[in-house]
Amino acid sequence: MDKTKLQSLLTTVDTTIKQAMKQLNDEGGKILFVVDDNGKLIGTVTDGDIRRGIIKGCGFNERIELIMKKEFLFINVDMQNKEEYVKRLMLETKIEQIPLLDNKGIILDVILWTDILAGKKQLGHEKLMSNHVVIMAGGKGTRLDPFTKIFPKPLIPIGNKPAVEIIMERFYRHGFHKFIYSLNYKKEYLKLFLKENNFSYNIEWVEEEDFLGTAGSLSLLKDKITDTFFVANCDSLLDVNFEEVLNWHKEHEASITIIGCHNEVKIPFGVLHLSNGRLEKISEKPVHDVVINTGIYIMEPHVISYIPGGSHVDMNKLIDLVMEKEKISVFPIYGGWLDIGQWDEYKKVIEKMEGYNIV
């Protein structure tokens, strides 16, 4: 690894969780190495550590010292047969980056699995997952008029591909190949697209007789789904390891897991803080950190029983019903989410993706 890349993976204990999130996102990595003033490695922070910290209530502006791991795997620069040892270690632990330290504990390099495993795409064997992905594609998409007066929202183009094709490709990267579409508005267009393109996925659909809201059509799947499944809105593009999300859901023994994305809400005014009618302070154009719903979920099949057949039910109502009796977890991410459900956001996505590989 060149020195510039190595430096981009180093950080200090004073770094905030939010700064670490941005650093990971900018570098497209999954781990940061925490060093002291002398460059000695004292801990590591992964995207999973950040996720668990947020779930436990750590604030975005708290220091990563609260969430970093002080015990970590490494190899010494003087070790013999380093390559064979690292290869075995990576295959056993599934760790993709291992630091190389000198005798003083100073980080000299980071050995990547791509260096050791001759550029293979992933550790372990590729596999196909049995879990279904339900794509909610029946809405009118009125916020995308006039496009949706002619075509259904799922076929809105992103570059040279419609949105649903990109959604399926991103799930398929992680082995998910079984898709069920919930159809209604201009459904014949979407059925024709799915038939004519002869995708190598397993694709089927159910059809609403009436508009059943953002969750109501799940009641049509009662006899089709018997295992944990994903639900994805057709206007939500997410770049995440879906197998990792599924493992999180199972680990937390949740009935529903919501994928939430960090977002900054910027207030373009000075905010007055009052106490008993008296001004305490003014915050000039403050920024609030929130986790927002991406519209991508994992559910257990029994959740469908909460939805009366043929009834109009929105997703927030379903979540409220389940939350009263069962556990709902959140899988927080930072970056990698694009909302194309309204024109302003769609235009931003097109501008952002211009010149990039969007898949």
Protein backbone atom coordinates (compact mmCIF):
# COMPACT_ATOMS: atom_id res chain seq x y z
CA MET A 1 0.00 0.00 0.00
CA ASP A 2 1.40 3.42 -0.92
CA LYS A 3 2.02 5.97 1.83
CA THR A 4 -0.78 8.30 0.75
CA LYS A 5 -3.34 5.51 0.96
CA LEU A 6 -1.95 4.37 4.31
CA GLN A 7 -2.21 7.87 5.75
CA SER A 8 -5.83 8.07 4.66
CA LEU A 9 -6.61 5.07 6.89
CA LEU A 10 -4.98 6.50 10.01
CA THR A 11 -6.78 8.53 12.65
CA THR A 12 -6.47 9.55 16.31
CA VAL A 13 -8.53 9.10 19.47
CA ASP A 14 -9.74 12.72 19.20
CA THR A 15 -11.57 12.00 15.95
CA THR A 16 -15.35 12.14 16.33
CA ILE A 17 -17.62 9.31 15.25
CA LYS A 18 -19.03 11.58 12.57
CA GLN A 19 -15.55 12.42 11.25
CA ALA A 20 -14.66 8.72 11.21
CA MET A 21 -17.84 7.96 9.26
CA LYS A 22 -16.89 10.55 6.65
CA GLN A 23 -13.31 9.28 6.47
CA LEU A 24 -14.48 5.71 5.88
CA ASN A 25 -17.00 6.86 3.32
CA ASP A 26 -14.46 8.99 1.44
CA GLU A 27 -11.95 6.15 1.29
CA GLY A 28 -14.50 3.45 0.52
CA GLY A 29 -13.01 1.31 3.29
CA LYS A 30 -14.29 -0.60 6.30
CA ILE A 31 -11.58 0.07 8.88
CA LEU A 32 -9.54 2.90 10.37
CA PHE A 33 -6.35 2.47 12.37
CA VAL A 34 -6.07 4.61 15.49
CA VAL A 35 -2.52 5.78 16.22
CA ASP A 36 -0.90 7.91 18.93
CA ASP A 37 1.34 10.92 18.34
CA ASN A 38 4.28 8.65 17.53
CA GLY A 39 2.40 6.59 14.96
CA LYS A 40 2.00 3.61 17.29
CA LEU A 41 -1.13 1.60 16.62
CA ILE A 42 -3.40 1.67 19.67
CA GLY A 43 -6.75 0.55 18.25
CA THR A 44 -9.00 -0.01 15.28
CA VAL A 45 -12.45 1.25 14.30
CA THR A 46 -14.61 -0.54 11.75
CA ASP A 47 -17.91 0.43 10.21
CA GLY A 48 -19.44 -2.26 12.43
CA ASP A 49 -17.96 -0.64 15.56
CA ILE A 50 -19.52 2.66 14.54
CA ARG A 51 -22.85 0.99 13.87
CA ARG A 52 -22.88 -0.73 17.27
CA GLY A 53 -21.83 2.50 18.99
CA ILE A 54 -24.69 4.45 17.44
CA ILE A 55 -27.19 1.74 18.38
CA LYS A 56 -25.93 1.87 21.99
CA GLY A 57 -26.55 5.61 22.12
CA CYS A 58 -23.15 7.15 21.33
CA GLY A 59 -23.51 10.63 19.86
CA PHE A 60 -22.16 11.49 16.43
CA ASN A 61 -19.88 14.11 17.99
CA GLU A 62 -18.38 11.81 20.62
CA ARG A 63 -14.80 10.58 20.24
CA ILE A 64 -14.03 7.25 18.62
CA GLU A 65 -12.06 6.36 21.72
CA LEU A 66 -15.43 5.22 23.10
CA ILE A 67 -15.95 2.62 20.39
CA MET A 68 -12.48 1.59 19.20
CA LYS A 69 -11.12 -1.92 19.75
CA LYS A 70 -7.87 -1.97 21.70
CA GLU A 71 -7.19 -5.61 20.90
CA PHE A 72 -6.49 -6.36 17.24
CA LEU A 73 -4.71 -8.75 14.93
CA PHE A 74 -1.40 -7.67 13.40
CA ILE A 75 1.83 -9.08 12.06
CA ASN A 76 5.37 -8.06 12.89
CA VAL A 77 7.72 -6.84 10.18
CA ASP A 78 10.32 -9.46 11.19
CA MET A 79 7.93 -12.41 10.92
CA GLN A 80 9.03 -15.20 8.61
CA ASN A 81 6.67 -16.54 5.91
CA LYS A 82 4.36 -13.56 6.35
CA GLU A 83 2.37 -14.18 3.20
CA GLU A 84 1.34 -17.73 4.07
CA TYR A 85 0.50 -16.76 7.65
CA VAL A 86 -1.61 -13.78 6.54
CA LYS A 87 -3.41 -15.83 3.91
CA ARG A 88 -4.37 -18.46 6.47
CA LEU A 89 -5.36 -15.80 9.00
CA MET A 90 -7.60 -13.99 6.51
CA LEU A 91 -9.32 -17.16 5.40
CA GLU A 92 -9.96 -18.17 9.02
CA THR A 93 -11.11 -14.79 10.34
CA LYS A 94 -12.57 -13.17 7.17
CA ILE A 95 -10.58 -10.04 8.07
CA GLU A 96 -9.65 -8.19 4.90
CA GLN A 97 -6.96 -5.76 6.20
CA ILE A 98 -4.14 -6.64 8.60
CA PRO A 99 -1.63 -4.02 9.80
CA LEU A 100 2.12 -4.56 9.59
CA LEU A 101 3.95 -3.19 12.66
CA ASP A 102 7.58 -2.64 13.56
CA ASN A 103 9.06 -3.67 16.91
CA LYS A 104 7.81 -0.46 18.53
CA GLY A 105 4.24 -1.03 17.40
CA ILE A 106 4.37 1.68 14.73
CA ILE A 107 2.22 0.93 11.73
CA LEU A 108 4.29 0.56 8.57
CA ASP A 109 1.79 -0.86 6.14
CA VAL A 110 -1.58 -2.55 5.76
CA ILE A 111 -1.77 -5.88 3.97
CA LEU A 112 -4.96 -6.29 1.96
CA TRP A 113 -6.71 -9.52 1.07
CA THR A 114 -6.48 -8.48 -2.61
CA ASP A 115 -2.69 -8.53 -2.26
CA ILE A 116 -2.68 -12.02 -0.78
CA LEU A 117 -5.52 -13.70 -2.65
CA ALA A 118 -4.53 -12.59 -6.15
CA GLY A 119 -7.43 -10.21 -6.72
CA LYS A 120 -10.32 -12.54 -5.94
CA LYS A 121 -13.52 -10.62 -5.48
CA GLN A 122 -14.27 -11.84 -1.99
CA LEU A 123 -13.14 -14.12 0.77
CA GLY A 124 -14.82 -17.48 0.89
CA HIS A 125 -17.11 -18.99 -1.73
CA GLU A 126 -19.79 -17.19 -3.69
CA LYS A 127 -23.28 -18.44 -2.84
CA LEU A 128 -26.86 -17.79 -3.73
CA MET A 129 -29.22 -16.82 -0.94
CA SER A 130 -32.69 -18.32 -0.58
CA ASN A 131 -34.26 -15.17 0.90
CA HIS A 132 -36.72 -13.22 -1.24
CA VAL A 133 -36.51 -9.51 -2.02
CA VAL A 134 -39.93 -7.86 -2.33
CA ILE A 135 -39.83 -4.73 -4.50
CA MET A 136 -42.76 -2.39 -3.89
CA ALA A 137 -43.50 -1.12 -7.38
CA GLY A 138 -47.21 -0.40 -7.46
CA GLY A 139 -47.43 3.27 -6.48
CA LYS A 140 -48.43 6.12 -8.80
CA GLY A 141 -45.23 8.09 -8.20
CA THR A 142 -47.06 11.41 -8.42
CA ARG A 143 -44.01 13.30 -7.15
CA LEU A 144 -42.28 12.35 -10.42
CA ASP A 145 -44.92 13.77 -12.75
CA PRO A 146 -44.90 14.12 -15.74
CA PHE A 147 -42.65 11.04 -16.22
CA THR A 148 -45.03 8.82 -14.27
CA LYS A 149 -48.01 9.89 -16.36
CA ILE A 150 -46.41 7.80 -19.12
CA PHE A 151 -44.24 5.16 -17.39
CA PRO A 152 -44.32 3.61 -13.90
CA LYS A 153 -41.81 4.98 -11.40
CA PRO A 154 -39.71 1.77 -11.27
CA LEU A 155 -38.66 2.35 -14.88
CA ILE A 156 -37.27 5.83 -14.35
CA PRO A 157 -33.81 5.82 -15.96
CA ILE A 158 -30.60 6.22 -13.98
CA GLY A 159 -27.94 6.53 -16.65
CA ASN A 160 -28.76 3.81 -19.20
CA LYS A 161 -30.68 1.55 -16.81
CA PRO A 162 -34.04 1.79 -15.05
CA ALA A 163 -34.02 2.05 -11.28
CA VAL A 164 -35.32 -1.48 -10.63
CA GLU A 165 -32.56 -3.06 -12.71
CA ILE A 166 -29.96 -1.32 -10.55
CA ILE A 167 -31.76 -2.40 -7.38
CA MET A 168 -31.74 -6.04 -8.50
CA GLU A 169 -28.07 -5.90 -9.51
CA ARG A 170 -27.07 -4.54 -6.11
CA PHE A 171 -28.90 -7.30 -4.29
CA TYR A 172 -27.49 -9.91 -6.64
CA ARG A 173 -23.94 -8.83 -5.79
CA HIS A 174 -24.53 -10.43 -2.40
CA GLY A 175 -26.29 -13.54 -3.67
CA PHE A 176 -29.94 -12.44 -3.48
CA HIS A 177 -31.60 -13.51 -6.71
CA LYS A 178 -35.26 -14.14 -5.83
CA PHE A 179 -37.44 -11.09 -6.47
CA ILE A 180 -41.16 -10.59 -6.01
CA TYR A 181 -42.71 -7.41 -7.41
CA SER A 182 -45.84 -5.83 -5.99
CA LEU A 183 -47.57 -4.26 -9.00
CA ASN A 184 -50.48 -1.94 -9.64
CA TYR A 185 -50.07 1.38 -11.48
CA LYS A 186 -49.12 0.84 -15.17
CA LYS A 187 -48.18 -2.72 -14.28
CA GLU A 188 -48.18 -3.99 -17.87
CA TYR A 189 -45.18 -1.78 -18.70
CA LEU A 190 -43.14 -3.28 -15.88
CA LYS A 191 -44.23 -6.86 -16.62
CA LEU A 192 -43.20 -6.39 -20.24
CA PHE A 193 -39.81 -5.00 -19.20
CA LEU A 194 -39.13 -7.91 -16.85
CA LYS A 195 -40.16 -10.48 -19.47
CA GLU A 196 -38.31 -8.98 -22.43
CA ASN A 197 -34.99 -8.54 -20.64
CA ASN A 198 -34.81 -12.22 -19.71
CA PHE A 199 -33.00 -11.61 -16.41
CA SER A 200 -31.12 -14.52 -14.88
CA TYR A 201 -32.90 -13.87 -11.58
CA ASN A 202 -35.95 -15.65 -10.22
CA ILE A 203 -38.69 -13.04 -10.75
CA GLU A 204 -42.40 -13.22 -10.01
CA TRP A 205 -45.08 -10.72 -9.05
CA VAL A 206 -48.34 -10.14 -7.24
CA GLU A 207 -50.95 -7.63 -8.37
CA GLU A 208 -53.02 -5.28 -6.23
CA GLU A 209 -56.68 -4.83 -7.09
CA ASP A 210 -56.74 -1.53 -5.20
CA PHE A 211 -53.98 0.75 -3.97
CA LEU A 212 -53.02 -0.79 -0.63
CA GLY A 213 -50.48 1.74 0.64
CA THR A 214 -46.75 1.27 1.18
CA ALA A 215 -47.15 -2.01 3.10
CA GLY A 216 -50.65 -3.38 2.39
CA SER A 217 -49.66 -5.46 -0.63
CA LEU A 218 -47.43 -7.62 1.59
CA SER A 219 -50.65 -9.39 2.62
CA LEU A 220 -50.67 -10.91 -0.90
CA LEU A 221 -47.49 -12.80 -0.05
CA LYS A 222 -48.90 -14.82 2.83
CA ASP A 223 -48.57 -18.14 0.99
CA LYS A 224 -45.45 -17.24 -0.99
CA ILE A 225 -42.89 -16.38 1.69
CA THR A 226 -41.83 -18.68 4.52
CA ASP A 227 -38.40 -17.27 5.36
CA THR A 228 -36.84 -13.94 6.32
CA PHE A 229 -37.24 -11.48 3.43
CA PHE A 230 -36.25 -7.98 2.30
CA VAL A 231 -38.67 -5.22 1.35
CA ALA A 232 -37.33 -2.48 -0.94
CA ASN A 233 -39.00 0.66 -2.24
CA CYS A 234 -38.42 1.06 -5.97
CA ASP A 235 -37.18 4.65 -5.54
CA SER A 236 -34.46 3.82 -3.01
CA LEU A 237 -30.96 2.96 -4.27
CA LEU A 238 -28.75 1.51 -1.58
CA ASP A 239 -25.11 0.44 -1.80
CA VAL A 240 -24.64 -1.87 1.17
CA ASN A 241 -23.66 -5.47 1.92
CA PHE A 242 -27.14 -6.97 2.18
CA GLU A 243 -25.83 -10.24 3.56
CA GLU A 244 -24.26 -8.26 6.40
CA VAL A 245 -27.63 -6.60 7.06
CA LEU A 246 -29.31 -10.01 7.13
CA ASN A 247 -26.74 -11.29 9.63
CA TRP A 248 -27.34 -8.20 11.81
CA HIS A 249 -31.08 -8.84 11.72
CA LYS A 250 -30.60 -12.45 12.82
CA GLU A 251 -28.07 -11.50 15.49
CA HIS A 252 -30.50 -9.00 17.03
CA GLU A 253 -33.43 -11.45 16.84
CA ALA A 254 -35.65 -8.75 15.41
CA SER A 255 -38.99 -9.11 13.66
CA ILE A 256 -38.22 -6.11 11.46
CA THR A 257 -34.92 -4.39 10.77
CA ILE A 258 -34.95 -0.94 9.18
CA ILE A 259 -31.90 0.24 7.27
CA GLY A 260 -31.37 3.83 8.41
CA CYS A 261 -28.94 6.35 6.93
CA HIS A 262 -27.15 9.17 8.74
CA ASN A 263 -28.15 12.59 7.48
CA GLU A 264 -27.41 16.16 8.45
CA VAL A 265 -30.35 18.50 8.87
CA LYS A 266 -29.09 22.07 8.43
CA ILE A 267 -31.18 24.90 9.82
CA PRO A 268 -30.39 28.07 7.81
CA PHE A 269 -31.28 30.41 10.68
CA GLY A 270 -30.10 31.32 14.12
CA VAL A 271 -31.89 29.13 16.70
CA LEU A 272 -32.86 30.65 20.03
CA HIS A 273 -32.53 28.53 23.17
CA LEU A 274 -34.95 29.67 25.87
CA SER A 275 -35.44 28.95 29.55
CA ASN A 276 -38.47 30.38 31.36
CA GLY A 277 -38.80 33.05 28.70
CA ARG A 278 -35.14 34.08 28.97
CA LEU A 279 -32.60 33.68 26.19
CA GLU A 280 -29.79 31.30 27.15
CA LYS A 281 -27.86 31.24 23.87
CA ILE A 282 -28.10 31.49 20.11
CA SER A 283 -26.95 28.67 17.86
CA GLU A 284 -26.13 30.12 14.46
CA LYS A 285 -27.25 27.82 11.62
CA PRO A 286 -26.95 24.60 13.62
CA VAL A 287 -26.58 21.16 12.10
CA HIS A 288 -28.49 18.22 13.58
CA ASP A 289 -27.45 14.63 13.04
CA VAL A 290 -30.31 12.21 12.44
CA VAL A 291 -30.84 8.68 11.15
CA ILE A 292 -33.53 8.55 8.48
CA ASN A 293 -35.53 5.68 7.01
CA THR A 294 -34.15 4.52 3.63
CA GLY A 295 -37.23 2.49 2.76
CA ILE A 296 -35.35 -0.83 2.82
CA TYR A 297 -36.35 -3.42 5.44
CA ILE A 298 -35.84 -7.01 6.54
CA MET A 299 -38.85 -8.83 7.94
CA GLU A 300 -39.76 -12.18 9.39
CA PRO A 301 -42.61 -13.88 7.49
CA HIS A 302 -45.03 -13.80 10.44
CA VAL A 303 -45.07 -9.97 10.21
CA ILE A 304 -47.38 -10.37 7.21
CA SER A 305 -50.09 -11.59 9.61
CA TYR A 306 -50.32 -8.06 11.05
CA ILE A 307 -51.78 -6.84 7.72
CA PRO A 308 -55.50 -7.50 7.10
CA GLY A 309 -55.98 -8.87 3.59
CA GLY A 310 -57.06 -6.23 1.09
CA SER A 311 -56.59 -3.36 3.55
CA HIS A 312 -54.74 -0.12 2.93
CA VAL A 313 -51.76 -0.10 5.31
CA ASP A 314 -48.73 2.19 5.16
CA MET A 315 -45.32 1.02 6.33
CA ASN A 316 -45.17 3.37 9.32
CA LYS A 317 -48.48 1.93 10.57
CA LEU A 318 -47.20 -1.64 10.19
CA ILE A 319 -44.02 -0.74 12.07
CA ASP A 320 -46.08 0.81 14.88
CA LEU A 321 -48.21 -2.33 15.17
CA VAL A 322 -45.22 -4.67 15.30
CA MET A 323 -43.26 -2.41 17.66
CA GLU A 324 -46.00 -2.68 20.30
CA LYS A 325 -45.34 -6.42 20.70
CA GLU A 326 -42.00 -7.31 19.11
CA LYS A 327 -38.47 -6.08 18.59
CA ILE A 328 -37.56 -3.78 15.71
CA SER A 329 -33.89 -3.08 15.08
CA VAL A 330 -32.10 -0.45 12.99
CA PHE A 331 -29.06 -1.08 10.82
CA PRO A 332 -27.44 2.38 10.52
CA ILE A 333 -25.32 3.30 7.50
CA TYR A 334 -23.57 6.49 6.47
CA GLY A 335 -23.61 7.35 2.78
CA GLY A 336 -24.40 4.96 -0.04
CA TRP A 337 -28.11 5.81 -0.17
CA LEU A 338 -29.85 7.70 -2.96
CA ASP A 339 -33.53 8.69 -2.98
CA ILE A 340 -35.01 9.15 -6.45
CA GLY A 341 -38.63 9.52 -5.36
CA GLN A 342 -38.98 13.21 -6.25
CA TRP A 343 -37.60 15.40 -9.02
CA ASP A 344 -35.20 17.50 -6.94
CA GLU A 345 -33.56 14.40 -5.49
CA TYR A 346 -33.62 12.59 -8.83
CA LYS A 347 -31.78 15.47 -10.52
CA LYS A 348 -29.16 15.46 -7.75
CA VAL A 349 -28.64 11.73 -8.28
CA ILE A 350 -28.16 12.18 -12.02
CA GLU A 351 -25.67 15.01 -11.46
CA LYS A 352 -23.80 12.99 -8.85
CA MET A 353 -23.65 9.89 -11.01
CA GLU A 354 -22.59 11.66 -14.18
CA GLY A 355 -19.32 10.15 -15.30
CA TYR A 356 -19.38 7.38 -12.65
CA ASN A 357 -20.26 3.71 -12.75
CA ILE A 358 -23.66 3.78 -11.08
CA VAL A 359 -24.02 0.05 -10.61
